[in-house]
Amino acid sequence: MLEGVFFFLSPELVLSSINNDRVCHPRYGASDALHVVGGLTMRPLAEVCAAVAAMGFTVVRLPFSSEMLRLGTAAVTPRAVDFGLNPALRGKTPLEVLDAVVDGLGAAKVAVVLNNHTTLGMWSGGVEANGLWFQEAEKDGSGGGEGGGGGTYTEARWVADWVMLARRYQGRPWVVGYDLRNEVRAVTKIK
């Protein structure tokens, strides 16, 4: 196992083991504040993907945030990726890095299930920030939206994001599933 690259088994392992699949869920994903899967500051992407396959995993549930999909042309930072280890990722947007991870896993013969883990790129963010797949702004302009305040992240935007991802990955047969939303939780602001 690679030192410094951490994975844990997701609950799907129990269900998928019936089909002889082993599911891996990266501990830190593109759903967090840096918008890039963890481990790319420690090892080259191809090495991480090969290690996942060598450990016997056949499927990776790959988390991302809705916010990450809408960051535009901003390139990832050296805090998220060691460009000495991963020079091909220099200048890439978080979505382009996600593409590289998806393709790296495919090259290692590991299937991918994309997982809309959070709305905002943060570790959980509490029930109010990431409990549902949408966030409506309050009348006073607070709540919802990328960056945590004042905006709106509607259900229509969430659907449009999934349509975009389905089209983006339709030619990649190793993308085998779409986990529409992680751990939906009740929020107090629903009217």
C-alpha atoms as a PDB file:
ATOM      1  CA  MET A   1       0.000   0.000   0.000  1.00  0.00           C
ATOM      2  CA  LEU A   2       1.224   3.515  -0.733  1.00  0.00           C
ATOM      3  CA  GLU A   3       2.331   5.439   2.308  1.00  0.00           C
ATOM      4  CA  GLY A   4       0.517   8.761   2.592  1.00  0.00           C
ATOM      5  CA  VAL A   5      -2.376   7.863   0.284  1.00  0.00           C
ATOM      6  CA  PHE A   6      -5.441   6.918   2.278  1.00  0.00           C
ATOM      7  CA  PHE A   7      -8.620   5.205   1.194  1.00  0.00           C
ATOM      8  CA  PHE A   8     -11.469   3.679   3.136  1.00  0.00           C
ATOM      9  CA  LEU A   9     -14.063   1.178   2.051  1.00  0.00           C
ATOM     10  CA  SER A  10     -17.494   2.592   1.458  1.00  0.00           C
ATOM     11  CA  PRO A  11     -20.729   0.882   2.559  1.00  0.00           C
ATOM     12  CA  GLU A  12     -21.326  -0.184  -1.044  1.00  0.00           C
ATOM     13  CA  LEU A  13     -18.598  -2.795  -0.603  1.00  0.00           C
ATOM     14  CA  VAL A  14     -21.016  -5.051   1.199  1.00  0.00           C
ATOM     15  CA  LEU A  15     -23.608  -4.816  -1.571  1.00  0.00           C
ATOM     16  CA  SER A  16     -21.209  -4.922  -4.482  1.00  0.00           C
ATOM     17  CA  SER A  17     -19.235  -7.879  -3.153  1.00  0.00           C
ATOM     18  CA  ILE A  18     -22.108 -10.028  -4.357  1.00  0.00           C
ATOM     19  CA  ASN A  19     -20.886  -9.225  -7.884  1.00  0.00           C
ATOM     20  CA  ASN A  20     -17.215  -9.674  -6.898  1.00  0.00           C
ATOM     21  CA  ASP A  21     -16.581  -5.934  -7.076  1.00  0.00           C
ATOM     22  CA  ARG A  22     -14.525  -4.131  -4.456  1.00  0.00           C
ATOM     23  CA  VAL A  23     -15.449  -0.460  -4.100  1.00  0.00           C
ATOM     24  CA  CYS A  24     -12.968   2.155  -2.947  1.00  0.00           C
ATOM     25  CA  HIS A  25     -14.007   5.611  -1.765  1.00  0.00           C
ATOM     26  CA  PRO A  26     -11.151   8.135  -1.539  1.00  0.00           C
ATOM     27  CA  ARG A  27     -11.053   9.705   1.907  1.00  0.00           C
ATOM     28  CA  TYR A  28     -10.571  13.180   0.455  1.00  0.00           C
ATOM     29  CA  GLY A  29     -12.124  14.074  -2.842  1.00  0.00           C
ATOM     30  CA  ALA A  30     -12.957  16.873  -5.193  1.00  0.00           C
ATOM     31  CA  SER A  31     -15.777  17.634  -2.776  1.00  0.00           C
ATOM     32  CA  ASP A  32     -13.385  19.373  -0.375  1.00  0.00           C
ATOM     33  CA  ALA A  33     -12.020  22.925  -0.258  1.00  0.00           C
ATOM     34  CA  LEU A  34      -9.173  22.319  -2.741  1.00  0.00           C
ATOM     35  CA  HIS A  35     -11.565  20.713  -5.265  1.00  0.00           C
ATOM     36  CA  VAL A  36      -9.117  17.907  -6.139  1.00  0.00           C
ATOM     37  CA  VAL A  37      -8.950  14.282  -4.970  1.00  0.00           C
ATOM     38  CA  GLY A  38      -6.432  13.663  -2.210  1.00  0.00           C
ATOM     39  CA  GLY A  39      -3.091  11.993  -2.746  1.00  0.00           C
ATOM     40  CA  LEU A  40      -1.860  14.038  -5.708  1.00  0.00           C
ATOM     41  CA  THR A  41       0.494  15.959  -3.431  1.00  0.00           C
ATOM     42  CA  MET A  42       2.108  12.656  -2.426  1.00  0.00           C
ATOM     43  CA  ARG A  43       2.309  10.471  -5.539  1.00  0.00           C
ATOM     44  CA  PRO A  44       1.944  10.618  -9.322  1.00  0.00           C
ATOM     45  CA  LEU A  45      -1.638  10.060 -10.468  1.00  0.00           C
ATOM     46  CA  ALA A  46      -0.754   6.931 -12.484  1.00  0.00           C
ATOM     47  CA  GLU A  47       0.934   5.421  -9.417  1.00  0.00           C
ATOM     48  CA  VAL A  48      -2.103   6.097  -7.221  1.00  0.00           C
ATOM     49  CA  CYS A  49      -4.439   4.550  -9.814  1.00  0.00           C
ATOM     50  CA  ALA A  50      -2.179   1.515 -10.243  1.00  0.00           C
ATOM     51  CA  ALA A  51      -2.051   1.074  -6.455  1.00  0.00           C
ATOM     52  CA  VAL A  52      -5.859   1.126  -6.231  1.00  0.00           C
ATOM     53  CA  ALA A  53      -6.007  -1.650  -8.851  1.00  0.00           C
ATOM     54  CA  ALA A  54      -3.167  -3.588  -7.192  1.00  0.00           C
ATOM     55  CA  MET A  55      -5.104  -3.560  -3.895  1.00  0.00           C
ATOM     56  CA  GLY A  56      -7.884  -5.404  -5.726  1.00  0.00           C
ATOM     57  CA  PHE A  57     -10.374  -2.579  -6.048  1.00  0.00           C
ATOM     58  CA  THR A  58     -12.482  -2.733  -9.189  1.00  0.00           C
ATOM     59  CA  VAL A  59     -14.616   0.386  -8.636  1.00  0.00           C
ATOM     60  CA  VAL A  60     -13.881   3.833  -7.186  1.00  0.00           C
ATOM     61  CA  ARG A  61     -16.688   6.051  -5.933  1.00  0.00           C
ATOM     62  CA  LEU A  62     -15.239   9.446  -6.832  1.00  0.00           C
ATOM     63  CA  PRO A  63     -16.661  12.379  -4.817  1.00  0.00           C
ATOM     64  CA  PHE A  64     -16.982  15.938  -6.145  1.00  0.00           C
ATOM     65  CA  SER A  65     -18.815  19.113  -5.146  1.00  0.00           C
ATOM     66  CA  SER A  66     -21.284  21.007  -7.287  1.00  0.00           C
ATOM     67  CA  GLU A  67     -19.188  24.108  -6.615  1.00  0.00           C
ATOM     68  CA  MET A  68     -16.120  22.418  -8.175  1.00  0.00           C
ATOM     69  CA  LEU A  69     -17.995  21.997 -11.454  1.00  0.00           C
ATOM     70  CA  ARG A  70     -18.570  25.749 -11.727  1.00  0.00           C
ATOM     71  CA  LEU A  71     -15.145  27.168 -10.861  1.00  0.00           C
ATOM     72  CA  GLY A  72     -14.489  28.087 -14.481  1.00  0.00           C
ATOM     73  CA  THR A  73     -10.912  28.537 -15.643  1.00  0.00           C
ATOM     74  CA  ALA A  74      -9.190  28.832 -12.254  1.00  0.00           C
ATOM     75  CA  ALA A  75      -6.255  26.405 -12.152  1.00  0.00           C
ATOM     76  CA  VAL A  76      -5.637  24.133  -9.160  1.00  0.00           C
ATOM     77  CA  THR A  77      -3.025  25.278  -6.656  1.00  0.00           C
ATOM     78  CA  PRO A  78       0.216  23.581  -5.546  1.00  0.00           C
ATOM     79  CA  ARG A  79      -1.577  22.927  -2.229  1.00  0.00           C
ATOM     80  CA  ALA A  80      -3.798  20.468  -4.131  1.00  0.00           C
ATOM     81  CA  VAL A  81      -1.309  18.901  -6.563  1.00  0.00           C
ATOM     82  CA  ASP A  82       2.463  18.447  -6.478  1.00  0.00           C
ATOM     83  CA  PHE A  83       3.300  19.516 -10.027  1.00  0.00           C
ATOM     84  CA  GLY A  84       6.765  17.957  -9.761  1.00  0.00           C
ATOM     85  CA  LEU A  85       5.037  14.572  -9.374  1.00  0.00           C
ATOM     86  CA  ASN A  86       2.127  15.422 -11.686  1.00  0.00           C
ATOM     87  CA  PRO A  87       3.411  17.896 -14.313  1.00  0.00           C
ATOM     88  CA  ALA A  88       0.561  17.106 -16.731  1.00  0.00           C
ATOM     89  CA  LEU A  89      -1.887  18.605 -14.217  1.00  0.00           C
ATOM     90  CA  ARG A  90      -0.213  22.031 -14.108  1.00  0.00           C
ATOM     91  CA  GLY A  91      -2.598  24.734 -15.320  1.00  0.00           C
ATOM     92  CA  LYS A  92      -5.602  22.384 -15.254  1.00  0.00           C
ATOM     93  CA  THR A  93      -8.912  23.362 -13.712  1.00  0.00           C
ATOM     94  CA  PRO A  94     -10.357  21.140 -10.976  1.00  0.00           C
ATOM     95  CA  LEU A  95     -12.795  19.661 -13.524  1.00  0.00           C
ATOM     96  CA  GLU A  96      -9.899  18.869 -15.881  1.00  0.00           C
ATOM     97  CA  VAL A  97      -8.055  17.210 -12.986  1.00  0.00           C
ATOM     98  CA  LEU A  98     -11.193  15.154 -12.332  1.00  0.00           C
ATOM     99  CA  ASP A  99     -11.075  14.130 -16.008  1.00  0.00           C
ATOM    100  CA  ALA A 100      -7.456  13.023 -15.566  1.00  0.00           C
ATOM    101  CA  VAL A 101      -8.331  11.008 -12.454  1.00  0.00           C
ATOM    102  CA  VAL A 102     -11.271   9.353 -14.225  1.00  0.00           C
ATOM    103  CA  ASP A 103      -9.042   8.517 -17.206  1.00  0.00           C
ATOM    104  CA  GLY A 104      -6.194   7.321 -14.953  1.00  0.00           C
ATOM    105  CA  LEU A 105      -8.522   4.941 -13.178  1.00  0.00           C
ATOM    106  CA  GLY A 106      -9.873   3.731 -16.523  1.00  0.00           C
ATOM    107  CA  ALA A 107      -6.319   3.091 -17.740  1.00  0.00           C
ATOM    108  CA  ALA A 108      -5.753   1.027 -14.579  1.00  0.00           C
ATOM    109  CA  LYS A 109      -8.898  -0.990 -15.410  1.00  0.00           C
ATOM    110  CA  VAL A 110     -10.806   0.463 -12.452  1.00  0.00           C
ATOM    111  CA  ALA A 111     -14.415   1.533 -12.996  1.00  0.00           C
ATOM    112  CA  VAL A 112     -15.674   4.895 -11.722  1.00  0.00           C
ATOM    113  CA  VAL A 113     -18.909   5.944 -10.039  1.00  0.00           C
ATOM    114  CA  LEU A 114     -19.146   9.738  -9.867  1.00  0.00           C
ATOM    115  CA  ASN A 115     -20.539  10.917  -6.519  1.00  0.00           C
ATOM    116  CA  ASN A 116     -22.079  14.366  -5.984  1.00  0.00           C
ATOM    117  CA  HIS A 117     -20.861  14.477  -2.406  1.00  0.00           C
ATOM    118  CA  THR A 118     -21.519  18.103  -1.460  1.00  0.00           C
ATOM    119  CA  THR A 119     -22.868  21.337  -2.871  1.00  0.00           C
ATOM    120  CA  LEU A 120     -20.070  23.512  -1.525  1.00  0.00           C
ATOM    121  CA  GLY A 121     -16.439  22.437  -1.540  1.00  0.00           C
ATOM    122  CA  MET A 122     -15.896  21.816   2.149  1.00  0.00           C
ATOM    123  CA  TRP A 123     -15.688  18.923   4.578  1.00  0.00           C
ATOM    124  CA  SER A 124     -19.380  18.337   5.243  1.00  0.00           C
ATOM    125  CA  GLY A 125     -20.143  21.980   5.988  1.00  0.00           C
ATOM    126  CA  GLY A 126     -22.845  20.964   8.390  1.00  0.00           C
ATOM    127  CA  VAL A 127     -26.421  20.166   7.641  1.00  0.00           C
ATOM    128  CA  GLU A 128     -27.336  23.653   6.444  1.00  0.00           C
ATOM    129  CA  ALA A 129     -24.518  23.970   3.889  1.00  0.00           C
ATOM    130  CA  ASN A 130     -24.609  20.531   2.283  1.00  0.00           C
ATOM    131  CA  GLY A 131     -27.704  18.703   3.471  1.00  0.00           C
ATOM    132  CA  LEU A 132     -29.570  18.847   0.177  1.00  0.00           C
ATOM    133  CA  TRP A 133     -28.649  18.933  -3.508  1.00  0.00           C
ATOM    134  CA  PHE A 134     -29.900  22.515  -3.797  1.00  0.00           C
ATOM    135  CA  GLN A 135     -29.764  25.720  -1.780  1.00  0.00           C
ATOM    136  CA  GLU A 136     -32.117  28.626  -2.220  1.00  0.00           C
ATOM    137  CA  ALA A 137     -31.069  32.107  -1.120  1.00  0.00           C
ATOM    138  CA  GLU A 138     -32.962  33.638   1.762  1.00  0.00           C
ATOM    139  CA  LYS A 139     -34.934  36.871   1.225  1.00  0.00           C
ATOM    140  CA  ASP A 140     -32.113  38.733   2.985  1.00  0.00           C
ATOM    141  CA  GLY A 141     -29.611  37.327   0.439  1.00  0.00           C
ATOM    142  CA  SER A 142     -27.916  34.963   2.854  1.00  0.00           C
ATOM    143  CA  GLY A 143     -27.340  31.261   2.417  1.00  0.00           C
ATOM    144  CA  GLY A 144     -26.813  29.063  -0.573  1.00  0.00           C
ATOM    145  CA  GLY A 145     -24.495  29.435  -3.508  1.00  0.00           C
ATOM    146  CA  GLU A 146     -20.854  28.865  -4.249  1.00  0.00           C
ATOM    147  CA  GLY A 147     -18.468  30.339  -1.729  1.00  0.00           C
ATOM    148  CA  GLY A 148     -21.024  29.960   1.037  1.00  0.00           C
ATOM    149  CA  GLY A 149     -23.074  33.106   0.918  1.00  0.00           C
ATOM    150  CA  GLY A 150     -25.569  35.244  -0.849  1.00  0.00           C
ATOM    151  CA  GLY A 151     -26.178  33.096  -3.896  1.00  0.00           C
ATOM    152  CA  THR A 152     -28.457  30.358  -5.049  1.00  0.00           C
ATOM    153  CA  TYR A 153     -27.707  26.831  -6.093  1.00  0.00           C
ATOM    154  CA  THR A 154     -30.991  25.607  -7.513  1.00  0.00           C
ATOM    155  CA  GLU A 155     -32.234  22.151  -8.267  1.00  0.00           C
ATOM    156  CA  ALA A 156     -32.249  23.152 -11.966  1.00  0.00           C
ATOM    157  CA  ARG A 157     -28.503  23.935 -11.764  1.00  0.00           C
ATOM    158  CA  TRP A 158     -27.901  20.572 -10.092  1.00  0.00           C
ATOM    159  CA  VAL A 159     -29.770  18.781 -12.907  1.00  0.00           C
ATOM    160  CA  ALA A 160     -27.845  20.793 -15.522  1.00  0.00           C
ATOM    161  CA  ASP A 161     -24.570  19.764 -13.859  1.00  0.00           C
ATOM    162  CA  TRP A 162     -25.510  16.079 -14.061  1.00  0.00           C
ATOM    163  CA  VAL A 163     -26.495  16.446 -17.732  1.00  0.00           C
ATOM    164  CA  MET A 164     -23.113  18.102 -18.411  1.00  0.00           C
ATOM    165  CA  LEU A 165     -21.235  15.298 -16.614  1.00  0.00           C
ATOM    166  CA  ALA A 166     -23.191  12.541 -18.366  1.00  0.00           C
ATOM    167  CA  ARG A 167     -22.347  14.086 -21.733  1.00  0.00           C
ATOM    168  CA  ARG A 168     -18.728  14.691 -20.742  1.00  0.00           C
ATOM    169  CA  TYR A 169     -18.154  11.052 -19.738  1.00  0.00           C
ATOM    170  CA  GLN A 170     -20.472   9.265 -22.172  1.00  0.00           C
ATOM    171  CA  GLY A 171     -17.534   8.006 -24.252  1.00  0.00           C
ATOM    172  CA  ARG A 172     -15.711   6.549 -21.254  1.00  0.00           C
ATOM    173  CA  PRO A 173     -17.080   3.036 -20.663  1.00  0.00           C
ATOM    174  CA  TRP A 174     -15.255   2.782 -17.320  1.00  0.00           C
ATOM    175  CA  VAL A 175     -17.632   5.439 -15.910  1.00  0.00           C
ATOM    176  CA  VAL A 176     -20.268   2.960 -14.815  1.00  0.00           C
ATOM    177  CA  GLY A 177     -22.487   4.952 -12.485  1.00  0.00           C
ATOM    178  CA  TYR A 178     -23.668   8.256 -11.118  1.00  0.00           C
ATOM    179  CA  ASP A 179     -24.314   8.559  -7.384  1.00  0.00           C
ATOM    180  CA  LEU A 180     -26.729  11.473  -7.548  1.00  0.00           C
ATOM    181  CA  ARG A 181     -26.224  12.746  -3.997  1.00  0.00           C
ATOM    182  CA  ASN A 182     -24.386  11.674  -0.886  1.00  0.00           C
ATOM    183  CA  GLU A 183     -26.234  11.417   2.432  1.00  0.00           C
ATOM    184  CA  VAL A 184     -29.199  13.710   1.913  1.00  0.00           C
ATOM    185  CA  ARG A 185     -30.041  15.294   5.265  1.00  0.00           C
ATOM    186  CA  ALA A 186     -32.870  17.495   6.445  1.00  0.00           C
ATOM    187  CA  VAL A 187     -32.196  21.213   6.839  1.00  0.00           C
ATOM    188  CA  THR A 188     -34.051  23.697   8.996  1.00  0.00           C
ATOM    189  CA  LYS A 189     -34.520  26.321   6.276  1.00  0.00           C
ATOM    190  CA  ILE A 190     -36.950  24.321   4.129  1.00  0.00           C
ATOM    191  CA  LYS A 191     -40.261  26.129   3.923  1.00  0.00           C
END
